[in-house]
Amino acid sequence: MMKRSVICTLLALAAGPAAYSAAIVKTDAESFSKATEDAKKFDGSAVMQEYRRNAFYPHLSPLLNGAMNQCFSEVPHPSSDAFSFIITLDSHGKITEIALNNPTNLATCVTRKFVTKTLPPPPYSPFLEEIDMKLKP
């Protein structure tokens, strides 16, 4: 019995880094521009509209609200500048990449809260969605 639990633990540890790898956050203008072009390729089909309305945003919104609240309390003098980021999901809904257009202290904090998150699996992958954040003073 002891051997089995040790083997299972070793297998879990071996799979761990690959299974839980974090998304890449890109803050350069070229990456954001390319992600914007790629996101525009995704159509506004009924299937995608339904996914966004019934799965993507209902799961993203509480995560985003939580990230914003945490970052407002963690970041000294958080910037109130607007920012946008583009999330790329794989077929399992794992966030694999985040492209950020205005890497202020608040924007950087918020996007880093998403690097290990998973959302509902999209109808196709990669799935890219742009999120625009405009903060009111």
Protein backbone atom coordinates (compact mmCIF):
# COMPACT_ATOMS: atom_id res chain seq x y z
CA MET A 1 0.00 0.00 0.00
CA MET A 2 2.86 2.35 0.81
CA LYS A 3 4.44 1.83 -2.64
CA ARG A 4 1.20 2.72 -4.44
CA SER A 5 0.77 6.06 -2.60
CA VAL A 6 4.42 6.98 -3.18
CA ILE A 7 4.13 6.19 -6.90
CA CYS A 8 0.88 8.18 -7.17
CA THR A 9 2.48 11.12 -5.39
CA LEU A 10 5.52 11.00 -7.69
CA LEU A 11 3.30 10.87 -10.77
CA ALA A 12 1.28 13.84 -9.54
CA LEU A 13 4.45 15.81 -8.87
CA ALA A 14 5.84 14.91 -12.28
CA ALA A 15 2.64 16.06 -14.02
CA GLY A 16 2.23 19.13 -11.83
CA PRO A 17 4.31 21.78 -13.59
CA ALA A 18 2.90 20.94 -17.02
CA ALA A 19 -0.65 20.68 -15.75
CA TYR A 20 -0.50 23.96 -13.86
CA SER A 21 1.67 26.15 -16.06
CA ALA A 22 0.80 29.82 -15.97
CA ALA A 23 -0.29 31.91 -18.91
CA ILE A 24 2.22 34.19 -20.56
CA VAL A 25 1.58 37.90 -20.09
CA LYS A 26 2.82 40.04 -22.98
CA THR A 27 3.03 43.80 -22.58
CA ASP A 28 4.66 44.89 -25.84
CA ALA A 29 2.70 46.81 -28.48
CA GLU A 30 3.40 44.28 -31.23
CA SER A 31 1.92 41.37 -29.23
CA PHE A 32 -1.19 43.38 -28.38
CA SER A 33 -1.62 44.47 -32.01
CA LYS A 34 -1.32 40.88 -33.27
CA ALA A 35 -3.74 39.60 -30.61
CA THR A 36 -6.22 42.34 -31.60
CA GLU A 37 -6.03 41.22 -35.24
CA ASP A 38 -6.45 37.58 -34.24
CA ALA A 39 -9.42 38.39 -31.97
CA LYS A 40 -11.18 40.19 -34.84
CA LYS A 41 -11.04 36.99 -36.91
CA PHE A 42 -13.49 35.32 -34.55
CA ASP A 43 -16.98 35.66 -35.87
CA GLY A 44 -20.12 36.88 -34.20
CA SER A 45 -21.97 33.63 -34.89
CA ALA A 46 -24.90 32.60 -32.73
CA VAL A 47 -22.73 29.88 -31.14
CA MET A 48 -20.07 32.40 -30.12
CA GLN A 49 -22.59 34.96 -28.89
CA GLU A 50 -24.23 32.26 -26.78
CA TYR A 51 -20.86 31.14 -25.38
CA ARG A 52 -19.90 34.71 -24.47
CA ARG A 53 -23.31 35.47 -22.91
CA ASN A 54 -23.94 32.17 -21.09
CA ALA A 55 -20.47 30.88 -20.23
CA PHE A 56 -17.53 33.23 -20.77
CA TYR A 57 -18.68 36.48 -19.18
CA PRO A 58 -20.67 34.93 -16.31
CA HIS A 59 -17.44 33.19 -15.22
CA LEU A 60 -15.06 36.03 -16.09
CA SER A 61 -16.99 38.83 -14.36
CA PRO A 62 -16.61 37.58 -10.76
CA LEU A 63 -12.93 36.79 -11.38
CA LEU A 64 -12.36 40.25 -12.80
CA ASN A 65 -14.24 41.96 -9.96
CA GLY A 66 -12.22 39.99 -7.41
CA ALA A 67 -8.94 40.81 -9.16
CA MET A 68 -9.80 44.51 -9.31
CA ASN A 69 -10.72 44.61 -5.62
CA GLN A 70 -7.54 42.76 -4.62
CA CYS A 71 -5.34 44.97 -6.76
CA PHE A 72 -6.89 48.21 -5.51
CA SER A 73 -5.95 47.14 -2.01
CA GLU A 74 -2.52 45.66 -2.89
CA VAL A 75 -1.12 48.27 -5.29
CA PRO A 76 0.06 51.56 -3.78
CA HIS A 77 -1.44 54.48 -5.73
CA PRO A 78 -3.17 52.35 -8.40
CA SER A 79 -3.34 53.98 -11.81
CA SER A 80 -6.76 55.04 -13.07
CA ASP A 81 -5.69 54.92 -16.72
CA ALA A 82 -7.83 52.83 -19.04
CA PHE A 83 -6.37 49.55 -20.29
CA SER A 84 -7.33 46.61 -22.45
CA PHE A 85 -6.20 43.03 -22.43
CA ILE A 86 -6.82 40.09 -24.70
CA ILE A 87 -7.27 36.65 -23.19
CA THR A 88 -6.41 33.57 -25.23
CA LEU A 89 -8.09 30.31 -24.20
CA ASP A 90 -7.16 26.80 -25.27
CA SER A 91 -9.73 24.07 -25.98
CA HIS A 92 -10.04 23.32 -22.26
CA GLY A 93 -10.70 26.95 -21.29
CA LYS A 94 -7.24 27.44 -19.81
CA ILE A 95 -5.88 30.95 -20.22
CA THR A 96 -2.66 30.48 -22.18
CA GLU A 97 -1.79 34.06 -23.02
CA ILE A 98 -2.74 37.59 -22.01
CA ALA A 99 -1.77 40.56 -24.18
CA LEU A 100 -1.90 43.88 -22.32
CA ASN A 101 -1.86 47.26 -24.07
CA ASN A 102 -1.17 49.65 -21.19
CA PRO A 103 0.88 47.95 -18.46
CA THR A 104 0.13 50.32 -15.58
CA ASN A 105 0.61 49.08 -12.04
CA LEU A 106 -3.11 48.25 -11.75
CA ALA A 107 -3.36 46.63 -15.18
CA THR A 108 -0.31 44.47 -14.53
CA CYS A 109 -1.66 43.37 -11.16
CA VAL A 110 -5.10 42.53 -12.59
CA THR A 111 -3.80 40.50 -15.53
CA ARG A 112 -1.39 38.57 -13.31
CA LYS A 113 -4.37 37.41 -11.24
CA PHE A 114 -5.56 35.53 -14.35
CA VAL A 115 -2.41 33.62 -15.31
CA THR A 116 -3.52 30.34 -13.72
CA LYS A 117 -7.27 30.64 -14.30
CA THR A 118 -9.53 28.43 -16.36
CA LEU A 119 -12.83 29.47 -17.89
CA PRO A 120 -15.51 27.34 -19.56
CA PRO A 121 -14.15 25.59 -22.67
CA PRO A 122 -14.88 27.61 -25.82
CA PRO A 123 -16.60 26.18 -28.91
CA TYR A 124 -13.25 26.38 -30.73
CA SER A 125 -9.69 27.24 -29.89
CA PRO A 126 -7.70 29.26 -29.69
CA PHE A 127 -10.39 31.63 -28.50
CA LEU A 128 -9.42 35.28 -28.06
CA GLU A 129 -11.49 37.93 -26.33
CA GLU A 130 -10.62 41.57 -25.73
CA ILE A 131 -11.56 43.09 -22.39
CA ASP A 132 -11.63 46.90 -22.16
CA MET A 133 -11.28 48.49 -18.74
CA LYS A 134 -12.25 52.13 -18.32
CA LEU A 135 -12.02 53.28 -14.72
CA LYS A 136 -14.07 56.11 -13.30
CA PRO A 137 -12.39 58.34 -10.72
